[in-house]
Amino acid sequence: VWTGDVPNEAIEVYEVLSNAHRAAFEEVAPGVACEDIDLAARRVITDAGYGDYFIHRTGHGIGVDAHEDPYMVAGNTEALAVGHCFSIEPGIYLPGRFGFRLEDCLAAAENGPDSFTSSNRALVSVMA
């Protein structure tokens, strides 16, 4: 959500973030390495010139704790298994200007991702 008129730069960044989120989501399948989920999102953001502004992992497991294994981060070669529940939440943060994070929770299912989130992901402007 953006308060007031959305600047063109914010629209552009949100579109990149949305594409990164979708790329990570589409990568989800049993047997895929967790780091590949991170790489899918990171590649879109980096290719658009915002790589230095994606300063955290793409996601983390959810279950008993709010943040737990498996972590969607470079270096985690653990393969997704059916039933792994986790977040996909890439973000772009432009210091002193604005930042966005787009988050969904999902499970790895036999045929790919099974999202728990059904909210509208469009950038919405509201008046203050």
N, C-alpha and C. Protein backbone atom coordinates (compact mmCIF):
# COMPACT_ATOMS: atom_id res chain seq x y z
N VAL A 1 0.85 -1.17 0.00
CA VAL A 1 0.00 0.00 0.00
C VAL A 1 0.89 1.24 0.00
N TRP A 2 0.53 2.19 -0.80
CA TRP A 2 1.24 3.46 -0.87
C TRP A 2 0.27 4.55 -0.46
N THR A 3 0.73 5.51 0.34
CA THR A 3 -0.11 6.63 0.76
C THR A 3 0.05 7.77 -0.23
N GLY A 4 -1.03 8.13 -0.89
CA GLY A 4 -1.00 9.23 -1.85
C GLY A 4 -0.70 8.74 -3.26
N ASP A 5 -0.27 9.67 -4.11
CA ASP A 5 0.05 9.34 -5.50
C ASP A 5 1.33 8.51 -5.55
N VAL A 6 1.31 7.43 -6.29
CA VAL A 6 2.46 6.53 -6.38
C VAL A 6 3.43 7.07 -7.43
N PRO A 7 4.67 7.36 -7.03
CA PRO A 7 5.65 7.84 -8.01
C PRO A 7 6.01 6.73 -9.01
N ASN A 8 6.40 7.13 -10.21
CA ASN A 8 6.77 6.16 -11.24
C ASN A 8 7.87 5.21 -10.77
N GLU A 9 8.84 5.72 -10.03
CA GLU A 9 9.92 4.87 -9.54
C GLU A 9 9.38 3.75 -8.65
N ALA A 10 8.42 4.06 -7.81
CA ALA A 10 7.84 3.05 -6.93
C ALA A 10 7.07 2.01 -7.74
N ILE A 11 6.37 2.45 -8.76
CA ILE A 11 5.64 1.52 -9.63
C ILE A 11 6.63 0.57 -10.30
N GLU A 12 7.75 1.10 -10.78
CA GLU A 12 8.77 0.29 -11.44
C GLU A 12 9.37 -0.73 -10.46
N VAL A 13 9.73 -0.28 -9.28
CA VAL A 13 10.32 -1.17 -8.28
C VAL A 13 9.34 -2.25 -7.88
N TYR A 14 8.09 -1.88 -7.70
CA TYR A 14 7.09 -2.88 -7.31
C TYR A 14 6.89 -3.92 -8.41
N GLU A 15 6.94 -3.50 -9.65
CA GLU A 15 6.81 -4.45 -10.76
C GLU A 15 7.99 -5.43 -10.77
N VAL A 16 9.20 -4.93 -10.55
CA VAL A 16 10.37 -5.81 -10.45
C VAL A 16 10.19 -6.79 -9.30
N LEU A 17 9.76 -6.28 -8.17
CA LEU A 17 9.56 -7.14 -7.00
C LEU A 17 8.49 -8.19 -7.26
N SER A 18 7.42 -7.81 -7.90
CA SER A 18 6.35 -8.75 -8.24
C SER A 18 6.87 -9.85 -9.17
N ASN A 19 7.68 -9.46 -10.14
CA ASN A 19 8.28 -10.45 -11.05
C ASN A 19 9.24 -11.38 -10.31
N ALA A 20 9.98 -10.85 -9.37
CA ALA A 20 10.90 -11.67 -8.57
C ALA A 20 10.13 -12.66 -7.71
N HIS A 21 9.06 -12.18 -7.11
CA HIS A 21 8.21 -13.05 -6.29
C HIS A 21 7.65 -14.19 -7.13
N ARG A 22 7.15 -13.86 -8.31
CA ARG A 22 6.57 -14.87 -9.20
C ARG A 22 7.64 -15.87 -9.65
N ALA A 23 8.84 -15.39 -9.95
CA ALA A 23 9.93 -16.29 -10.37
C ALA A 23 10.27 -17.28 -9.26
N ALA A 24 10.34 -16.81 -8.02
CA ALA A 24 10.63 -17.70 -6.89
C ALA A 24 9.51 -18.70 -6.71
N PHE A 25 8.29 -18.23 -6.78
CA PHE A 25 7.11 -19.08 -6.61
C PHE A 25 7.10 -20.20 -7.67
N GLU A 26 7.40 -19.83 -8.90
CA GLU A 26 7.39 -20.80 -10.00
C GLU A 26 8.52 -21.82 -9.90
N GLU A 27 9.54 -21.53 -9.12
CA GLU A 27 10.67 -22.44 -8.94
C GLU A 27 10.36 -23.56 -7.95
N VAL A 28 9.33 -23.38 -7.15
CA VAL A 28 9.00 -24.33 -6.07
C VAL A 28 8.53 -25.67 -6.62
N ALA A 29 9.23 -26.72 -6.19
CA ALA A 29 8.86 -28.10 -6.52
C ALA A 29 9.67 -29.02 -5.62
N PRO A 30 9.14 -30.18 -5.30
CA PRO A 30 9.91 -31.14 -4.52
C PRO A 30 11.24 -31.44 -5.22
N GLY A 31 12.31 -31.47 -4.44
CA GLY A 31 13.63 -31.74 -4.97
C GLY A 31 14.44 -30.52 -5.36
N VAL A 32 13.80 -29.36 -5.45
CA VAL A 32 14.51 -28.12 -5.79
C VAL A 32 15.28 -27.65 -4.56
N ALA A 33 16.53 -27.26 -4.74
CA ALA A 33 17.34 -26.75 -3.64
C ALA A 33 16.79 -25.41 -3.16
N CYS A 34 16.78 -25.23 -1.85
CA CYS A 34 16.28 -23.97 -1.27
C CYS A 34 17.00 -22.76 -1.85
N GLU A 35 18.31 -22.89 -2.09
CA GLU A 35 19.05 -21.76 -2.64
C GLU A 35 18.56 -21.40 -4.05
N ASP A 36 17.96 -22.34 -4.76
CA ASP A 36 17.46 -22.04 -6.10
C ASP A 36 16.21 -21.15 -6.04
N ILE A 37 15.45 -21.26 -4.96
CA ILE A 37 14.29 -20.36 -4.77
C ILE A 37 14.81 -18.93 -4.59
N ASP A 38 15.83 -18.80 -3.73
CA ASP A 38 16.45 -17.49 -3.50
C ASP A 38 17.03 -16.94 -4.81
N LEU A 39 17.75 -17.78 -5.53
CA LEU A 39 18.39 -17.34 -6.76
C LEU A 39 17.37 -16.87 -7.79
N ALA A 40 16.25 -17.54 -7.89
CA ALA A 40 15.22 -17.14 -8.87
C ALA A 40 14.75 -15.71 -8.62
N ALA A 41 14.48 -15.38 -7.35
CA ALA A 41 14.05 -14.01 -7.02
C ALA A 41 15.20 -13.03 -7.18
N ARG A 42 16.35 -13.40 -6.67
CA ARG A 42 17.52 -12.51 -6.68
C ARG A 42 17.95 -12.16 -8.10
N ARG A 43 17.86 -13.12 -9.00
CA ARG A 43 18.26 -12.89 -10.40
C ARG A 43 17.40 -11.79 -11.03
N VAL A 44 16.10 -11.84 -10.82
CA VAL A 44 15.19 -10.83 -11.40
C VAL A 44 15.53 -9.45 -10.84
N ILE A 45 15.73 -9.37 -9.54
CA ILE A 45 16.01 -8.09 -8.89
C ILE A 45 17.37 -7.55 -9.33
N THR A 46 18.37 -8.42 -9.39
CA THR A 46 19.71 -8.00 -9.80
C THR A 46 19.73 -7.57 -11.26
N ASP A 47 19.08 -8.35 -12.13
CA ASP A 47 19.04 -8.00 -13.55
C ASP A 47 18.36 -6.66 -13.80
N ALA A 48 17.46 -6.26 -12.91
CA ALA A 48 16.78 -4.96 -13.05
C ALA A 48 17.59 -3.82 -12.42
N GLY A 49 18.75 -4.14 -11.84
CA GLY A 49 19.62 -3.10 -11.28
C GLY A 49 19.41 -2.81 -9.80
N TYR A 50 18.63 -3.64 -9.11
CA TYR A 50 18.34 -3.39 -7.70
C TYR A 50 18.96 -4.42 -6.76
N GLY A 51 19.91 -5.19 -7.25
CA GLY A 51 20.52 -6.25 -6.45
C GLY A 51 21.10 -5.78 -5.13
N ASP A 52 21.71 -4.60 -5.12
CA ASP A 52 22.29 -4.07 -3.87
C ASP A 52 21.23 -3.70 -2.85
N TYR A 53 19.97 -3.67 -3.26
CA TYR A 53 18.89 -3.24 -2.37
C TYR A 53 18.00 -4.40 -1.91
N PHE A 54 18.42 -5.60 -2.22
CA PHE A 54 17.75 -6.81 -1.73
C PHE A 54 18.68 -7.36 -0.65
N ILE A 55 18.38 -7.04 0.60
CA ILE A 55 19.36 -7.21 1.68
C ILE A 55 19.04 -8.35 2.64
N HIS A 56 18.17 -9.25 2.26
CA HIS A 56 17.84 -10.37 3.15
C HIS A 56 17.56 -11.61 2.32
N ARG A 57 17.35 -12.72 2.99
CA ARG A 57 17.04 -13.96 2.26
C ARG A 57 15.64 -13.86 1.64
N THR A 58 15.37 -14.75 0.71
CA THR A 58 14.07 -14.75 0.04
C THR A 58 12.96 -15.32 0.91
N GLY A 59 13.29 -16.23 1.81
CA GLY A 59 12.24 -16.81 2.64
C GLY A 59 12.78 -17.72 3.71
N HIS A 60 11.85 -18.26 4.49
CA HIS A 60 12.20 -19.12 5.62
C HIS A 60 11.04 -20.06 5.91
N GLY A 61 11.37 -21.16 6.56
CA GLY A 61 10.35 -22.10 6.97
C GLY A 61 9.42 -21.48 8.00
N ILE A 62 8.19 -21.98 8.01
CA ILE A 62 7.21 -21.59 9.02
C ILE A 62 6.63 -22.86 9.62
N GLY A 63 6.28 -22.80 10.87
CA GLY A 63 5.73 -23.99 11.53
C GLY A 63 5.68 -23.78 13.02
N VAL A 64 6.57 -24.42 13.74
CA VAL A 64 6.63 -24.29 15.19
C VAL A 64 7.11 -22.89 15.56
N ASP A 65 8.12 -22.39 14.85
CA ASP A 65 8.66 -21.06 15.09
C ASP A 65 8.32 -20.16 13.90
N ALA A 66 8.38 -18.86 14.13
CA ALA A 66 8.10 -17.91 13.05
C ALA A 66 9.16 -17.97 11.95
N HIS A 67 10.40 -18.23 12.34
CA HIS A 67 11.51 -18.36 11.39
C HIS A 67 12.24 -19.65 11.72
N GLU A 68 12.26 -20.57 10.77
CA GLU A 68 12.92 -21.85 10.99
C GLU A 68 13.32 -22.42 9.63
N ASP A 69 14.03 -23.56 9.67
CA ASP A 69 14.38 -24.26 8.43
C ASP A 69 13.11 -24.69 7.71
N PRO A 70 13.14 -24.76 6.41
CA PRO A 70 14.27 -24.49 5.53
C PRO A 70 14.34 -23.01 5.16
N TYR A 71 15.56 -22.50 5.08
CA TYR A 71 15.78 -21.10 4.70
C TYR A 71 16.03 -21.01 3.20
N MET A 72 15.33 -20.10 2.54
CA MET A 72 15.51 -19.86 1.11
C MET A 72 16.60 -18.81 0.97
N VAL A 73 17.85 -19.29 0.95
CA VAL A 73 19.00 -18.40 0.97
C VAL A 73 20.16 -19.07 0.24
N ALA A 74 21.03 -18.26 -0.35
CA ALA A 74 22.22 -18.78 -1.03
C ALA A 74 23.01 -19.66 -0.06
N GLY A 75 23.46 -20.79 -0.55
CA GLY A 75 24.25 -21.70 0.26
C GLY A 75 23.45 -22.82 0.91
N ASN A 76 22.13 -22.70 0.92
CA ASN A 76 21.31 -23.78 1.51
C ASN A 76 20.93 -24.74 0.38
N THR A 77 21.64 -25.86 0.33
CA THR A 77 21.42 -26.84 -0.73
C THR A 77 20.35 -27.86 -0.37
N GLU A 78 19.71 -27.70 0.80
CA GLU A 78 18.65 -28.62 1.19
C GLU A 78 17.56 -28.63 0.12
N ALA A 79 17.12 -29.83 -0.25
CA ALA A 79 16.07 -29.96 -1.25
C ALA A 79 14.70 -29.84 -0.60
N LEU A 80 13.80 -29.14 -1.27
CA LEU A 80 12.43 -29.06 -0.79
C LEU A 80 11.79 -30.44 -0.83
N ALA A 81 10.99 -30.72 0.18
CA ALA A 81 10.23 -31.96 0.25
C ALA A 81 8.75 -31.61 0.31
N VAL A 82 7.92 -32.51 -0.15
CA VAL A 82 6.48 -32.31 -0.05
C VAL A 82 6.14 -32.04 1.41
N GLY A 83 5.39 -30.98 1.63
CA GLY A 83 4.99 -30.61 2.99
C GLY A 83 5.84 -29.53 3.63
N HIS A 84 7.00 -29.20 3.05
CA HIS A 84 7.76 -28.07 3.58
C HIS A 84 6.90 -26.82 3.48
N CYS A 85 6.72 -26.12 4.58
CA CYS A 85 5.96 -24.87 4.61
C CYS A 85 6.95 -23.73 4.82
N PHE A 86 6.82 -22.69 4.02
CA PHE A 86 7.80 -21.61 4.08
C PHE A 86 7.22 -20.34 3.46
N SER A 87 7.97 -19.26 3.61
CA SER A 87 7.59 -17.99 3.01
C SER A 87 8.44 -17.73 1.78
N ILE A 88 7.88 -16.94 0.89
CA ILE A 88 8.63 -16.30 -0.19
C ILE A 88 8.38 -14.82 0.00
N GLU A 89 9.45 -14.08 0.28
CA GLU A 89 9.28 -12.67 0.63
C GLU A 89 10.44 -11.80 0.18
N PRO A 90 10.65 -11.70 -1.12
CA PRO A 90 11.70 -10.81 -1.58
C PRO A 90 11.38 -9.36 -1.23
N GLY A 91 12.41 -8.55 -1.15
CA GLY A 91 12.21 -7.14 -0.84
C GLY A 91 13.22 -6.27 -1.54
N ILE A 92 12.86 -5.05 -1.78
CA ILE A 92 13.75 -4.03 -2.33
C ILE A 92 13.59 -2.80 -1.45
N TYR A 93 14.72 -2.30 -0.94
CA TYR A 93 14.71 -1.18 0.00
C TYR A 93 15.67 -0.10 -0.49
N LEU A 94 15.13 1.03 -0.90
CA LEU A 94 15.94 2.15 -1.37
C LEU A 94 16.12 3.13 -0.21
N PRO A 95 17.32 3.17 0.38
CA PRO A 95 17.56 3.97 1.59
C PRO A 95 17.11 5.42 1.46
N GLY A 96 16.38 5.87 2.46
CA GLY A 96 15.91 7.25 2.51
C GLY A 96 14.74 7.54 1.59
N ARG A 97 14.29 6.54 0.81
CA ARG A 97 13.20 6.79 -0.12
C ARG A 97 11.99 5.91 0.19
N PHE A 98 12.12 4.60 0.01
CA PHE A 98 11.02 3.68 0.30
C PHE A 98 11.54 2.25 0.19
N GLY A 99 10.71 1.32 0.59
CA GLY A 99 11.02 -0.09 0.44
C GLY A 99 9.75 -0.90 0.33
N PHE A 100 9.86 -2.04 -0.32
CA PHE A 100 8.74 -2.96 -0.47
C PHE A 100 9.19 -4.37 -0.12
N ARG A 101 8.30 -5.13 0.47
CA ARG A 101 8.47 -6.57 0.62
C ARG A 101 7.15 -7.21 0.23
N LEU A 102 7.22 -8.25 -0.57
CA LEU A 102 6.03 -8.95 -1.04
C LEU A 102 6.11 -10.37 -0.50
N GLU A 103 5.19 -10.72 0.41
CA GLU A 103 5.30 -11.98 1.13
C GLU A 103 4.06 -12.86 0.97
N ASP A 104 4.34 -14.14 0.75
CA ASP A 104 3.33 -15.18 0.76
C ASP A 104 3.87 -16.36 1.55
N CYS A 105 2.97 -17.14 2.12
CA CYS A 105 3.33 -18.39 2.77
C CYS A 105 2.74 -19.52 1.93
N LEU A 106 3.48 -20.61 1.81
CA LEU A 106 3.07 -21.70 0.94
C LEU A 106 3.68 -23.01 1.41
N ALA A 107 3.29 -24.08 0.75
CA ALA A 107 3.86 -25.40 0.99
C ALA A 107 4.33 -25.97 -0.34
N ALA A 108 5.37 -26.77 -0.26
CA ALA A 108 5.80 -27.52 -1.43
C ALA A 108 4.86 -28.72 -1.55
N ALA A 109 4.18 -28.83 -2.67
CA ALA A 109 3.25 -29.93 -2.90
C ALA A 109 3.77 -30.79 -4.06
N GLU A 110 3.17 -31.93 -4.24
CA GLU A 110 3.58 -32.86 -5.30
C GLU A 110 3.72 -32.17 -6.65
N ASN A 111 2.78 -31.28 -6.96
CA ASN A 111 2.74 -30.64 -8.28
C ASN A 111 3.22 -29.19 -8.26
N GLY A 112 4.00 -28.81 -7.24
CA GLY A 112 4.51 -27.44 -7.18
C GLY A 112 4.03 -26.73 -5.94
N PRO A 113 3.95 -25.39 -5.99
CA PRO A 113 3.59 -24.60 -4.82
C PRO A 113 2.09 -24.65 -4.51
N ASP A 114 1.79 -24.65 -3.22
CA ASP A 114 0.41 -24.58 -2.74
C ASP A 114 0.34 -23.37 -1.81
N SER A 115 -0.16 -22.25 -2.32
CA SER A 115 -0.15 -20.99 -1.58
C SER A 115 -1.23 -20.95 -0.51
N PHE A 116 -0.87 -20.40 0.65
CA PHE A 116 -1.83 -20.17 1.74
C PHE A 116 -2.41 -18.77 1.65
N THR A 117 -1.88 -17.96 0.75
CA THR A 117 -2.23 -16.54 0.67
C THR A 117 -3.11 -16.30 -0.55
N SER A 118 -4.21 -15.60 -0.33
CA SER A 118 -5.10 -15.32 -1.45
C SER A 118 -5.38 -13.82 -1.59
N SER A 119 -4.61 -13.00 -0.92
CA SER A 119 -4.85 -11.56 -0.97
C SER A 119 -4.40 -10.97 -2.30
N ASN A 120 -4.95 -9.81 -2.61
CA ASN A 120 -4.56 -9.07 -3.80
C ASN A 120 -3.13 -8.59 -3.63
N ARG A 121 -2.29 -8.82 -4.61
CA ARG A 121 -0.89 -8.42 -4.53
C ARG A 121 -0.59 -7.14 -5.30
N ALA A 122 -1.62 -6.49 -5.81
CA ALA A 122 -1.43 -5.26 -6.59
C ALA A 122 -1.00 -4.11 -5.66
N LEU A 123 -0.21 -3.22 -6.20
CA LEU A 123 0.16 -2.01 -5.49
C LEU A 123 -1.07 -1.10 -5.43
N VAL A 124 -1.47 -0.73 -4.24
CA VAL A 124 -2.69 0.06 -4.03
C VAL A 124 -2.31 1.40 -3.42
N SER A 125 -2.91 2.46 -3.94
CA SER A 125 -2.73 3.80 -3.39
C SER A 125 -3.93 4.16 -2.53
N VAL A 126 -3.66 4.68 -1.34
CA VAL A 126 -4.72 5.17 -0.46
C VAL A 126 -4.41 6.61 -0.09
N MET A 127 -5.40 7.36 0.21
CA MET A 127 -5.17 8.76 0.61
C MET A 127 -5.00 8.80 2.13
N ALA A 128 -4.11 9.66 2.57
CA ALA A 128 -3.81 9.78 4.01
C ALA A 128 -4.99 10.36 4.78
